[in-house]
Amino acid sequence: MKRRNFLSLGSQTDTLIDNNAQVSSVALQTLPEFATRTTAGLEPYTPTGANPWDYSKAAHLLRRCMVGPKDSEIRKAVTDGLDATIKLLLTPYSPSIDEIKAWAGSEVEVRPPNNNMQSPEFQAWQTAQFNRREQLVKWWVKTIATSPVSIQERLVMMWHNHFANEINTVNFADFMLVQNQLLRKYMLGNFKQFVKDITKDVSMLIYLDGTKNFKSGNKNQINENYARELQELFTCGVSDWDNNPNYTQSDVSEAARALSGWTIMPSTTKDPNYFLGLTSIFIPTRWDSGNKTFMGKTGAWKADDVVDIIFSERADQVAKFICTKIYRELVYDVPDRVIIEQMANTFKSNNWELKPVIEQLIRSEHFFDGTNIGAKDKSPIDYMVGAIRTLGLTNVPDFDLTKTGRNSQDLLNRMQSIGQVPCYPPNVKGWPGGRTWVSTSTLPLRQKFMLDVADEKVVIQKVTYYKLDAIAFAKTFPSYNDATKLTQEIAQALLNVPPSQQESDALLEALLQGAKTYEWKIDDPTFQAGNHIRNLLKAIVRLAKHELF
């Protein structure tokens, strides 16, 4: 088969992988900046006899729109049909914050009780901040693992990576939770308003020095950090498709002046024990009120004016830049510019609403084209958290939010070792993703997690974690009493594309372990079917295609 995520086009040599997943012809070259891999467009996918709405299509839709769909959810999607499934995916939900309600939504004490770092009071305050940060990340990962069928968690992570903030810089989990809720609010909403609100978000003001951007009397402290990233990373990008610059250094400087005045520190109190609120405020005396010329427009601009001008003067660039991000998240790492341009037109014609663009894409013939199925590398979240959700693993150490510290962070530590923990992007650009997820250093660690889970080898202080009820898992499949069909069904649920005949034979042998098919007895304790199922899972995760989705 062609391993699609290594496909080079034109005169480049295709990288082929045979049925044993070994590279047989290697010519790994840099892919073109964009590529057309299929002629399928954004016209709605219409199931036909030759191109039916089946398990493969439903699985592709759910895998790309959520994290770790279960076999039962995929089968239900087949039964419900495309329209009902997309409607369900595009329905938002409100995750519970009960497990972090002790501090979530409360005012934030921004100052320690004293300046003595050795005092019990200071250390208790500092420990509380560390614990909240740990709890927030665990809450988010657990939310992903226990989410209903919805595109919400996929999009929240996408926007978190787009508007990347590092919790170690922001420091306060309370602020990052507020931002998380903002991402949820706008995940399918109006992107222009989204940008306006994220510009004034407390976490963003801290992370990109918005709180340090002010002018007071003759004191000019204009900070350009956010003004630059607003244009370079958050809206229009550095240059257009013809490599013309989308903004100048003057635009950065003038935008920074307009963005001044927003802060998170109340100016009306001198009380050293005050609490810092969860929302930002605009202080006119800290704003540079002079005229600014930004993208050719002159006026006494403020923050919202800067956003309005970007979306007016760089509308085409903004639309293409954001649609490229969406395409890469949901379809393929190398954008198809024909499709991107059509998406951009939809984006602009719908006044920057995200839902019409995303729905158009995931309904399209292009999205369901065979070249796009199994074409993306699984992120650490897709790989590890997805496995927890798909396999129904229980007793995940990180999911007990009442515990903090080293022994309760096994999942987060493993995710960190392979490159992705929510709230900890590497920098303001976020995770590069794509092919960077799988390398010679991360592949063994990814597979070891799955192999440890299959064998229930994760034991911490004599407690077994990531418990897998192998027989119960197998019994969620229709044909659990038939060894051949059960192997096919489990492989279908865990692999993005069907295994070859050679792989299928090897997987069946992994299940049977020398037994005959007619000897398969899942309910016979002496047969120890659970061990057979675990062996099958280990054989599946060793396949190269298990790294893709």
Protein backbone atom coordinates (compact mmCIF):
# COMPACT_ATOMS: atom_id res chain seq x y z
CA MET A 1 0.00 0.00 0.00
CA LYS A 2 1.06 3.64 -0.25
CA ARG A 3 1.67 5.07 3.15
CA ARG A 4 -0.12 8.30 2.42
CA ASN A 5 1.57 10.46 4.97
CA PHE A 6 4.88 9.87 3.19
CA LEU A 7 3.49 10.47 -0.29
CA SER A 8 5.49 12.74 -2.56
CA LEU A 9 4.00 14.05 -5.76
CA GLY A 10 5.00 14.92 -9.28
CA SER A 11 8.47 13.79 -10.23
CA GLN A 12 9.26 12.69 -6.70
CA THR A 13 9.45 8.97 -6.05
CA ASP A 14 6.58 7.52 -4.04
CA THR A 15 7.64 5.90 -0.82
CA LEU A 16 6.17 2.43 -0.83
CA ILE A 17 5.61 0.22 2.14
CA ASP A 18 4.96 -3.44 1.56
CA ASN A 19 2.62 -5.65 3.53
CA ASN A 20 5.26 -6.16 6.18
CA ALA A 21 5.40 -2.39 6.71
CA GLN A 22 9.02 -2.21 5.56
CA VAL A 23 10.21 0.63 3.36
CA SER A 24 10.94 -0.89 -0.04
CA SER A 25 11.76 2.25 -2.01
CA VAL A 26 12.91 5.31 -0.17
CA ALA A 27 13.09 8.78 -1.60
CA LEU A 28 11.96 10.94 1.31
CA GLN A 29 12.03 14.46 0.00
CA THR A 30 10.47 17.65 1.25
CA LEU A 31 6.85 17.82 0.18
CA PRO A 32 5.74 20.76 -1.92
CA GLU A 33 4.21 23.66 -0.03
CA PHE A 34 0.81 22.55 -1.27
CA ALA A 35 -0.38 19.63 -3.29
CA THR A 36 -3.46 18.33 -5.07
CA ARG A 37 -3.75 14.65 -4.24
CA THR A 38 -7.31 14.09 -5.42
CA THR A 39 -9.76 15.76 -7.77
CA ALA A 40 -12.57 15.40 -5.23
CA GLY A 41 -13.91 18.81 -4.25
CA LEU A 42 -16.10 20.39 -1.60
CA GLU A 43 -19.32 19.16 -3.18
CA PRO A 44 -21.31 17.22 -0.55
CA TYR A 45 -20.48 13.54 -0.25
CA THR A 46 -23.53 11.58 -1.35
CA PRO A 47 -23.53 7.87 -0.49
CA THR A 48 -24.05 5.61 -3.48
CA GLY A 49 -23.90 1.92 -4.15
CA ALA A 50 -20.34 2.26 -5.39
CA ASN A 51 -19.38 4.68 -2.61
CA PRO A 52 -21.55 3.77 0.38
CA TRP A 53 -21.81 5.27 3.84
CA ASP A 54 -20.19 2.40 5.67
CA TYR A 55 -17.99 1.58 8.64
CA SER A 56 -14.86 2.94 6.96
CA LYS A 57 -16.46 6.31 6.20
CA ALA A 58 -18.08 6.61 9.63
CA ALA A 59 -14.84 5.68 11.38
CA HIS A 60 -12.90 8.26 9.36
CA LEU A 61 -15.40 10.99 10.24
CA LEU A 62 -15.38 10.18 13.96
CA ARG A 63 -11.61 9.70 14.20
CA ARG A 64 -10.95 13.08 12.62
CA CYS A 65 -13.63 14.92 14.54
CA MET A 66 -13.09 13.44 18.00
CA VAL A 67 -10.49 11.50 19.97
CA GLY A 68 -10.67 7.73 20.29
CA PRO A 69 -14.14 6.77 19.02
CA LYS A 70 -15.40 3.39 20.17
CA ASP A 71 -16.54 0.62 17.86
CA SER A 72 -20.08 0.96 19.20
CA GLU A 73 -20.10 4.69 18.37
CA ILE A 74 -18.85 4.03 14.85
CA ARG A 75 -21.52 1.38 14.27
CA LYS A 76 -24.19 3.73 15.60
CA ALA A 77 -22.96 6.39 13.18
CA VAL A 78 -23.37 3.92 10.30
CA THR A 79 -26.93 3.19 11.42
CA ASP A 80 -27.84 6.82 12.10
CA GLY A 81 -26.50 8.04 8.77
CA LEU A 82 -24.24 10.89 7.73
CA ASP A 83 -26.60 13.79 8.42
CA ALA A 84 -27.53 12.72 11.94
CA THR A 85 -23.91 11.95 12.78
CA ILE A 86 -22.65 15.34 11.62
CA LYS A 87 -25.47 17.06 13.51
CA LEU A 88 -24.40 15.21 16.65
CA LEU A 89 -20.73 16.03 16.11
CA LEU A 90 -21.49 19.73 15.73
CA THR A 91 -23.53 19.84 18.93
CA PRO A 92 -21.56 21.44 21.78
CA TYR A 93 -21.75 20.26 25.36
CA SER A 94 -20.65 21.61 28.74
CA PRO A 95 -18.03 19.50 30.51
CA SER A 96 -18.41 19.23 34.26
CA ILE A 97 -15.97 21.19 36.42
CA ASP A 98 -17.16 19.55 39.64
CA GLU A 99 -13.75 17.98 40.29
CA ILE A 100 -12.04 21.38 40.24
CA LYS A 101 -14.90 23.45 41.64
CA ALA A 102 -12.95 24.10 44.84
CA TRP A 103 -11.04 26.75 42.93
CA ALA A 104 -12.55 27.01 39.45
CA GLY A 105 -14.29 30.32 38.90
CA SER A 106 -13.13 31.85 42.15
CA GLU A 107 -11.11 35.01 42.44
CA VAL A 108 -7.37 34.58 42.13
CA GLU A 109 -5.01 35.60 44.89
CA VAL A 110 -2.12 36.93 42.87
CA ARG A 111 0.20 37.80 45.67
CA PRO A 112 1.71 35.40 48.18
CA PRO A 113 0.89 36.11 51.82
CA ASN A 114 4.41 37.45 52.39
CA ASN A 115 7.79 37.74 50.73
CA ASN A 116 9.44 35.04 52.81
CA MET A 117 9.77 32.07 50.48
CA GLN A 118 10.71 29.86 53.43
CA SER A 119 7.64 30.65 55.46
CA PRO A 120 4.95 27.96 55.78
CA GLU A 121 2.34 30.41 54.51
CA PHE A 122 4.29 31.21 51.34
CA GLN A 123 5.04 27.55 50.63
CA ALA A 124 1.41 26.56 51.17
CA TRP A 125 0.31 29.28 48.74
CA GLN A 126 2.88 28.19 46.15
CA THR A 127 1.96 24.51 46.51
CA ALA A 128 -1.69 25.41 45.97
CA GLN A 129 -0.82 27.12 42.67
CA PHE A 130 1.20 24.10 41.48
CA ASN A 131 -1.61 21.73 42.43
CA ARG A 132 -4.20 23.77 40.58
CA ARG A 133 -2.09 23.74 37.43
CA GLU A 134 -1.69 19.98 37.66
CA GLN A 135 -5.40 19.50 38.30
CA LEU A 136 -6.36 21.68 35.34
CA VAL A 137 -4.29 19.63 32.88
CA LYS A 138 -5.61 16.36 34.32
CA TRP A 139 -9.17 17.67 34.17
CA TRP A 140 -8.72 18.59 30.51
CA VAL A 141 -7.19 15.24 29.53
CA LYS A 142 -9.90 13.38 31.45
CA THR A 143 -12.55 15.51 29.75
CA ILE A 144 -11.20 14.43 26.36
CA ALA A 145 -11.14 10.76 27.41
CA THR A 146 -14.72 10.80 28.71
CA SER A 147 -16.30 13.15 26.17
CA PRO A 148 -19.48 12.31 24.26
CA VAL A 149 -19.55 12.07 20.49
CA SER A 150 -18.73 15.66 19.56
CA ILE A 151 -16.16 17.63 17.58
CA GLN A 152 -15.73 19.91 20.58
CA GLU A 153 -12.56 18.47 22.12
CA ARG A 154 -10.83 18.25 18.73
CA LEU A 155 -11.53 21.91 18.04
CA VAL A 156 -10.69 23.10 21.53
CA MET A 157 -7.24 21.51 21.20
CA MET A 158 -6.87 22.99 17.70
CA TRP A 159 -7.60 26.51 18.95
CA HIS A 160 -5.41 25.97 22.00
CA ASN A 161 -2.59 25.17 19.58
CA HIS A 162 -3.47 28.18 17.43
CA PHE A 163 -3.68 30.68 20.31
CA ALA A 164 -0.90 28.88 22.17
CA ASN A 165 -0.27 29.89 25.79
CA GLU A 166 2.11 28.16 28.21
CA ILE A 167 0.80 27.66 31.72
CA ASN A 168 4.30 27.99 33.18
CA THR A 169 4.33 31.57 31.91
CA VAL A 170 0.74 32.40 32.76
CA ASN A 171 1.29 30.73 36.15
CA PHE A 172 -2.32 30.66 37.30
CA ALA A 173 -4.55 27.72 36.36
CA ASP A 174 -7.58 29.88 37.03
CA PHE A 175 -6.72 32.10 34.07
CA MET A 176 -6.02 29.15 31.79
CA LEU A 177 -9.39 27.63 32.68
CA VAL A 178 -11.09 30.89 31.69
CA GLN A 179 -9.25 30.75 28.38
CA ASN A 180 -10.25 27.09 27.94
CA GLN A 181 -13.87 28.10 28.35
CA LEU A 182 -13.36 30.87 25.80
CA LEU A 183 -12.03 28.32 23.30
CA ARG A 184 -15.13 26.22 23.89
CA LYS A 185 -17.41 29.22 23.43
CA TYR A 186 -15.99 30.15 20.03
CA MET A 187 -14.87 26.77 18.65
CA LEU A 188 -17.68 26.91 16.06
CA GLY A 189 -18.53 30.58 16.47
CA ASN A 190 -17.52 33.87 14.93
CA PHE A 191 -13.78 33.96 14.43
CA LYS A 192 -13.54 37.74 14.22
CA GLN A 193 -15.18 38.14 17.62
CA PHE A 194 -13.07 35.22 18.85
CA VAL A 195 -9.92 37.20 18.01
CA LYS A 196 -11.26 40.30 19.75
CA ASP A 197 -12.02 38.37 22.92
CA ILE A 198 -8.77 36.39 22.95
CA THR A 199 -6.90 39.68 22.57
CA LYS A 200 -8.29 40.76 25.97
CA ASP A 201 -8.10 37.34 27.60
CA VAL A 202 -6.20 37.43 30.89
CA SER A 203 -3.93 34.50 30.02
CA MET A 204 -3.06 36.06 26.68
CA LEU A 205 -2.39 39.44 28.27
CA ILE A 206 0.10 37.78 30.62
CA TYR A 207 1.66 35.42 28.09
CA LEU A 208 2.36 37.98 25.36
CA ASP A 209 3.02 40.94 27.62
CA GLY A 210 -0.21 42.81 27.08
CA THR A 211 -0.09 43.86 30.73
CA LYS A 212 3.25 45.54 30.02
CA ASN A 213 1.91 47.47 27.03
CA PHE A 214 0.87 50.91 28.17
CA LYS A 215 1.52 54.64 27.97
CA SER A 216 1.11 56.78 31.05
CA GLY A 217 1.92 60.47 30.73
CA ASN A 218 5.42 60.72 29.34
CA LYS A 219 6.17 57.10 30.20
CA ASN A 220 5.99 54.97 27.09
CA GLN A 221 6.02 51.21 27.70
CA ILE A 222 4.64 50.06 24.34
CA ASN A 223 5.26 46.33 23.99
CA GLU A 224 4.98 44.81 20.52
CA ASN A 225 4.84 41.09 21.37
CA TYR A 226 1.11 40.55 21.00
CA ALA A 227 0.76 42.96 18.08
CA ARG A 228 3.27 40.89 16.12
CA GLU A 229 1.76 37.48 16.94
CA LEU A 230 -1.74 38.78 16.30
CA GLN A 231 -0.76 39.27 12.67
CA GLU A 232 1.89 36.60 12.17
CA LEU A 233 0.28 33.64 13.97
CA PHE A 234 -3.32 34.43 14.83
CA THR A 235 -4.91 36.09 11.77
CA CYS A 236 -3.28 36.73 8.39
CA GLY A 237 0.17 35.11 8.53
CA VAL A 238 3.50 36.53 7.47
CA SER A 239 2.86 36.57 3.72
CA ASP A 240 0.21 35.74 1.15
CA TRP A 241 0.31 32.91 -1.40
CA ASP A 242 2.41 35.07 -3.74
CA ASN A 243 4.93 35.71 -0.94
CA ASN A 244 3.91 39.34 -0.55
CA PRO A 245 4.22 40.49 3.07
CA ASN A 246 0.91 40.79 4.89
CA TYR A 247 2.17 43.42 7.33
CA THR A 248 5.16 45.64 8.01
CA GLN A 249 7.18 46.51 11.09
CA SER A 250 5.31 49.81 11.12
CA ASP A 251 2.02 47.88 11.28
CA VAL A 252 3.34 45.99 14.31
CA SER A 253 4.40 49.17 16.06
CA GLU A 254 1.18 51.05 15.34
CA ALA A 255 -0.98 48.07 16.31
CA ALA A 256 0.88 47.79 19.61
CA ARG A 257 0.02 51.40 20.41
CA ALA A 258 -3.63 50.72 19.67
CA LEU A 259 -3.61 47.58 21.79
CA SER A 260 -2.30 49.40 24.85
CA GLY A 261 -4.43 50.05 27.91
CA TRP A 262 -5.67 46.51 28.59
CA THR A 263 -4.53 44.95 31.82
CA ILE A 264 -5.61 42.59 34.57
CA MET A 265 -4.63 44.74 37.52
CA PRO A 266 -7.29 46.91 39.12
CA SER A 267 -6.08 50.48 39.40
CA THR A 268 -8.53 51.59 42.09
CA THR A 269 -7.02 49.80 45.08
CA LYS A 270 -3.75 50.02 46.94
CA ASP A 271 -4.58 47.11 49.21
CA PRO A 272 -1.58 44.73 49.09
CA ASN A 273 -3.89 41.81 49.86
CA TYR A 274 -6.32 42.39 47.01
CA PHE A 275 -7.55 39.60 44.75
CA LEU A 276 -7.10 39.73 41.02
CA GLY A 277 -10.28 39.18 39.04
CA LEU A 278 -10.68 36.66 36.25
CA THR A 279 -11.46 39.27 33.61
CA SER A 280 -9.39 42.03 32.05
CA ILE A 281 -10.10 45.74 32.17
CA PHE A 282 -9.35 48.69 29.92
CA ILE A 283 -7.76 51.69 31.63
CA PRO A 284 -7.98 54.75 29.35
CA THR A 285 -5.05 56.47 31.06
CA ARG A 286 -2.79 53.56 30.05
CA TRP A 287 -3.89 53.74 26.39
CA ASP A 288 -1.90 55.57 23.72
CA SER A 289 -4.66 57.86 22.49
CA GLY A 290 -2.78 59.39 19.56
CA ASN A 291 -3.50 58.68 15.90
CA LYS A 292 -2.02 55.51 14.45
CA THR A 293 -1.63 54.49 10.82
CA PHE A 294 -2.23 50.77 10.61
CA MET A 295 -2.46 48.93 7.27
CA GLY A 296 -3.01 52.27 5.57
CA LYS A 297 -5.83 53.38 7.87
CA THR A 298 -5.32 56.34 10.19
CA GLY A 299 -7.23 57.04 13.39
CA ALA A 300 -7.12 56.94 17.18
CA TRP A 301 -7.45 53.18 17.03
CA LYS A 302 -8.10 50.84 19.95
CA ALA A 303 -7.81 47.05 20.21
CA ASP A 304 -11.08 46.18 18.44
CA ASP A 305 -10.27 48.64 15.67
CA VAL A 306 -7.01 46.78 14.94
CA VAL A 307 -8.91 43.52 14.56
CA ASP A 308 -11.55 45.14 12.36
CA ILE A 309 -8.88 46.60 10.07
CA ILE A 310 -7.07 43.27 9.74
CA PHE A 311 -10.26 41.49 8.76
CA SER A 312 -11.14 44.29 6.33
CA GLU A 313 -7.77 44.98 4.70
CA ARG A 314 -6.44 41.40 4.79
CA ALA A 315 -9.70 39.48 4.45
CA ASP A 316 -8.43 37.10 1.78
CA GLN A 317 -5.22 36.39 3.67
CA VAL A 318 -7.04 35.81 6.97
CA ALA A 319 -9.54 33.46 5.36
CA LYS A 320 -6.87 31.37 3.65
CA PHE A 321 -4.59 31.31 6.68
CA ILE A 322 -7.28 30.08 9.07
CA CYS A 323 -8.82 27.65 6.58
CA THR A 324 -5.37 26.14 6.07
CA LYS A 325 -5.17 25.52 9.81
CA ILE A 326 -8.59 23.85 9.79
CA TYR A 327 -7.70 21.75 6.75
CA ARG A 328 -4.47 20.52 8.30
CA GLU A 329 -6.27 19.57 11.49
CA LEU A 330 -9.15 17.68 9.90
CA VAL A 331 -7.88 16.45 6.53
CA TYR A 332 -4.16 16.32 5.77
CA ASP A 333 -0.88 18.01 6.69
CA VAL A 334 -0.23 19.36 3.19
CA PRO A 335 -3.04 21.75 2.21
CA ASP A 336 -4.81 21.57 -1.12
CA ARG A 337 -5.01 25.19 -2.25
CA VAL A 338 -7.99 24.60 -4.50
CA ILE A 339 -9.95 23.37 -1.51
CA ILE A 340 -8.54 26.06 0.79
CA GLU A 341 -9.66 28.81 -1.56
CA GLN A 342 -13.19 27.43 -1.69
CA MET A 343 -13.26 27.16 2.10
CA ALA A 344 -11.98 30.73 2.37
CA ASN A 345 -14.82 31.97 0.17
CA THR A 346 -17.32 30.22 2.42
CA PHE A 347 -15.62 31.74 5.47
CA LYS A 348 -15.85 35.29 4.13
CA SER A 349 -19.37 34.95 2.75
CA ASN A 350 -20.57 33.77 6.17
CA ASN A 351 -19.11 36.80 7.95
CA TRP A 352 -16.31 34.80 9.61
CA GLU A 353 -18.53 32.14 11.12
CA LEU A 354 -16.55 28.92 11.64
CA LYS A 355 -19.35 26.37 11.68
CA PRO A 356 -20.32 26.69 7.96
CA VAL A 357 -16.68 26.22 6.92
CA ILE A 358 -16.09 23.18 9.11
CA GLU A 359 -19.41 21.57 8.22
CA GLN A 360 -18.79 22.11 4.51
CA LEU A 361 -15.41 20.42 4.83
CA ILE A 362 -16.46 17.35 6.81
CA ARG A 363 -19.47 16.80 4.54
CA SER A 364 -17.45 16.96 1.37
CA GLU A 365 -16.36 14.40 -1.19
CA HIS A 366 -12.84 15.67 -0.60
CA PHE A 367 -12.94 14.84 3.10
CA PHE A 368 -14.13 11.28 2.43
CA ASP A 369 -11.77 10.64 -0.48
CA GLY A 370 -9.74 7.49 0.06
CA THR A 371 -6.43 9.38 -0.14
CA ASN A 372 -7.36 11.21 3.06
CA ILE A 373 -8.32 8.16 5.10
CA GLY A 374 -5.46 7.02 7.33
CA ALA A 375 -3.28 9.88 6.11
CA LYS A 376 -2.40 11.61 9.40
CA ASP A 377 -0.04 10.71 12.22
CA LYS A 378 -1.69 10.36 15.60
CA SER A 379 -0.77 13.07 18.06
CA PRO A 380 0.13 11.95 21.59
CA ILE A 381 -3.41 12.85 22.63
CA ASP A 382 -4.90 10.82 19.79
CA TYR A 383 -2.55 7.95 20.54
CA MET A 384 -2.70 7.71 24.33
CA VAL A 385 -5.92 9.41 25.37
CA GLY A 386 -7.60 7.93 22.30
CA ALA A 387 -6.54 4.44 23.40
CA ILE A 388 -7.95 5.02 26.88
CA ARG A 389 -11.30 6.01 25.39
CA THR A 390 -11.43 3.34 22.68
CA LEU A 391 -10.38 0.45 24.90
CA GLY A 392 -12.41 1.60 27.90
CA LEU A 393 -9.37 1.60 30.20
CA THR A 394 -10.09 2.21 33.87
CA ASN A 395 -8.04 3.23 36.90
CA VAL A 396 -6.02 5.79 34.98
CA PRO A 397 -3.71 7.32 37.62
CA ASP A 398 -4.05 10.86 36.34
CA PHE A 399 -7.83 10.76 36.42
CA ASP A 400 -8.02 10.89 40.22
CA LEU A 401 -7.89 14.65 40.63
CA THR A 402 -7.81 14.38 44.42
CA LYS A 403 -4.21 13.17 44.13
CA THR A 404 -1.26 15.24 42.97
CA GLY A 405 2.42 14.58 42.62
CA ARG A 406 4.72 12.18 40.82
CA ASN A 407 2.80 8.95 41.41
CA SER A 408 -0.39 10.42 39.99
CA GLN A 409 1.10 11.74 36.75
CA ASP A 410 1.96 8.61 34.81
CA LEU A 411 -0.12 9.54 31.78
CA LEU A 412 1.08 13.15 31.69
CA ASN A 413 4.69 12.02 32.02
CA ARG A 414 4.27 9.57 29.14
CA MET A 415 2.58 12.23 27.01
CA GLN A 416 5.39 14.65 27.76
CA SER A 417 7.96 12.06 26.69
CA ILE A 418 6.35 11.81 23.25
CA GLY A 419 5.78 15.50 22.83
CA GLN A 420 2.37 16.85 23.86
CA VAL A 421 0.72 17.86 27.11
CA PRO A 422 -2.18 20.36 27.05
CA CYS A 423 -1.22 23.78 28.47
CA TYR A 424 2.45 23.08 27.74
CA PRO A 425 3.03 23.95 24.07
CA PRO A 426 6.71 24.42 23.20
CA ASN A 427 6.28 28.11 22.36
CA VAL A 428 3.82 30.66 20.98
CA LYS A 429 3.75 28.80 17.65
CA GLY A 430 2.33 25.72 19.32
CA TRP A 431 3.14 22.13 18.42
CA PRO A 432 4.25 21.69 14.79
CA GLY A 433 2.38 18.36 14.68
CA GLY A 434 2.14 16.26 11.53
CA ARG A 435 5.11 14.03 10.92
CA THR A 436 6.96 15.40 13.93
CA TRP A 437 4.76 13.27 16.19
CA VAL A 438 6.40 10.00 15.13
CA SER A 439 10.17 9.61 15.13
CA THR A 440 12.81 7.06 16.02
CA SER A 441 12.76 8.42 19.57
CA THR A 442 8.99 8.63 20.10
CA LEU A 443 7.88 5.47 18.28
CA PRO A 444 9.26 3.02 20.88
CA LEU A 445 7.72 5.06 23.70
CA ARG A 446 4.34 5.19 21.97
CA GLN A 447 4.30 1.45 21.40
CA LYS A 448 5.58 0.69 24.89
CA PHE A 449 2.57 2.47 26.36
CA MET A 450 0.19 0.29 24.37
CA LEU A 451 2.12 -2.89 25.13
CA ASP A 452 2.24 -2.04 28.84
CA VAL A 453 -1.50 -1.38 28.80
CA ALA A 454 -2.26 -4.65 27.00
CA ASP A 455 -0.27 -6.60 29.58
CA GLU A 456 -1.40 -4.44 32.55
CA LYS A 457 2.24 -3.85 33.44
CA VAL A 458 1.82 -0.36 34.84
CA VAL A 459 2.08 -0.90 38.59
CA ILE A 460 2.69 2.02 40.94
CA GLN A 461 3.15 1.29 44.62
CA LYS A 462 1.63 -2.16 44.13
CA VAL A 463 -1.48 -0.76 42.41
CA THR A 464 -2.22 -1.79 38.81
CA TYR A 465 -3.27 1.08 36.57
CA TYR A 466 -4.78 1.31 33.07
CA LYS A 467 -6.89 -1.75 33.72
CA LEU A 468 -8.18 -3.46 30.59
CA ASP A 469 -11.06 -5.89 30.86
CA ALA A 470 -10.08 -7.72 27.69
CA ILE A 471 -13.10 -10.02 27.58
CA ALA A 472 -15.56 -7.18 28.25
CA PHE A 473 -13.85 -5.18 25.49
CA ALA A 474 -14.15 -8.10 23.05
CA LYS A 475 -17.82 -8.55 23.93
CA THR A 476 -18.58 -5.03 22.72
CA PHE A 477 -18.09 -6.43 19.20
CA PRO A 478 -20.91 -8.28 17.42
CA SER A 479 -18.96 -11.44 16.57
CA TYR A 480 -17.14 -12.13 19.82
CA ASN A 481 -17.89 -15.86 19.57
CA ASP A 482 -16.24 -16.15 16.15
CA ALA A 483 -12.43 -15.87 16.27
CA THR A 484 -12.01 -14.93 12.62
CA LYS A 485 -14.72 -12.27 12.58
CA LEU A 486 -13.72 -10.91 15.99
CA THR A 487 -10.16 -10.41 14.76
CA GLN A 488 -11.45 -8.56 11.73
CA GLU A 489 -13.78 -6.38 13.81
CA ILE A 490 -11.15 -5.41 16.39
CA ALA A 491 -8.63 -4.64 13.63
CA GLN A 492 -11.27 -2.58 11.85
CA ALA A 493 -11.90 -0.57 15.01
CA LEU A 494 -8.23 0.08 15.81
CA LEU A 495 -6.70 0.52 12.35
CA ASN A 496 -7.35 3.35 9.94
CA VAL A 497 -7.21 1.12 6.85
CA PRO A 498 -7.87 -2.61 6.52
CA PRO A 499 -4.93 -4.93 7.16
CA SER A 500 -3.52 -6.83 4.21
CA GLN A 501 -4.28 -10.53 3.89
CA GLN A 502 -0.85 -11.34 5.29
CA GLU A 503 -1.45 -9.01 8.22
CA SER A 504 -4.93 -10.44 8.77
CA ASP A 505 -3.56 -13.97 8.92
CA ALA A 506 -0.89 -12.89 11.40
CA LEU A 507 -3.46 -11.12 13.58
CA LEU A 508 -5.71 -14.17 13.66
CA GLU A 509 -2.75 -16.31 14.68
CA ALA A 510 -1.93 -13.79 17.39
CA LEU A 511 -5.43 -14.24 18.77
CA LEU A 512 -5.52 -18.01 18.54
CA GLN A 513 -1.92 -18.64 19.67
CA GLY A 514 -1.87 -22.08 18.11
CA ALA A 515 -5.49 -22.98 18.76
CA LYS A 516 -7.94 -23.77 15.97
CA THR A 517 -10.70 -21.36 15.11
CA TYR A 518 -13.33 -23.84 16.25
CA GLU A 519 -11.63 -24.03 19.65
CA TRP A 520 -12.28 -20.34 20.38
CA LYS A 521 -14.33 -20.14 23.58
CA ILE A 522 -14.49 -16.66 25.03
CA ASP A 523 -16.55 -17.72 28.08
CA ASP A 524 -14.48 -20.76 29.00
CA PRO A 525 -12.19 -19.80 31.93
CA THR A 526 -9.80 -22.63 31.11
CA PHE A 527 -9.28 -21.22 27.61
CA GLN A 528 -8.15 -17.86 29.10
CA ALA A 529 -9.55 -15.84 26.21
CA GLY A 530 -8.48 -12.58 27.87
CA ASN A 531 -4.82 -13.42 27.29
CA HIS A 532 -5.56 -14.20 23.64
CA ILE A 533 -7.26 -10.85 23.18
CA ARG A 534 -4.36 -9.03 24.80
CA ASN A 535 -1.99 -10.79 22.43
CA LEU A 536 -4.08 -9.65 19.47
CA LEU A 537 -3.99 -6.06 20.69
CA LYS A 538 -0.20 -6.18 21.00
CA ALA A 539 0.07 -7.47 17.43
CA ILE A 540 -2.16 -4.65 16.17
CA VAL A 541 -0.25 -1.84 17.87
CA ARG A 542 3.02 -3.12 16.42
CA LEU A 543 1.73 -2.45 12.89
CA ALA A 544 2.96 0.77 11.30
CA LYS A 545 -0.57 1.71 10.25
CA HIS A 546 -1.62 1.84 13.91
CA GLU A 547 0.38 5.08 14.12
CA LEU A 548 -1.96 6.69 11.57
CA PHE A 549 -5.59 7.71 11.59
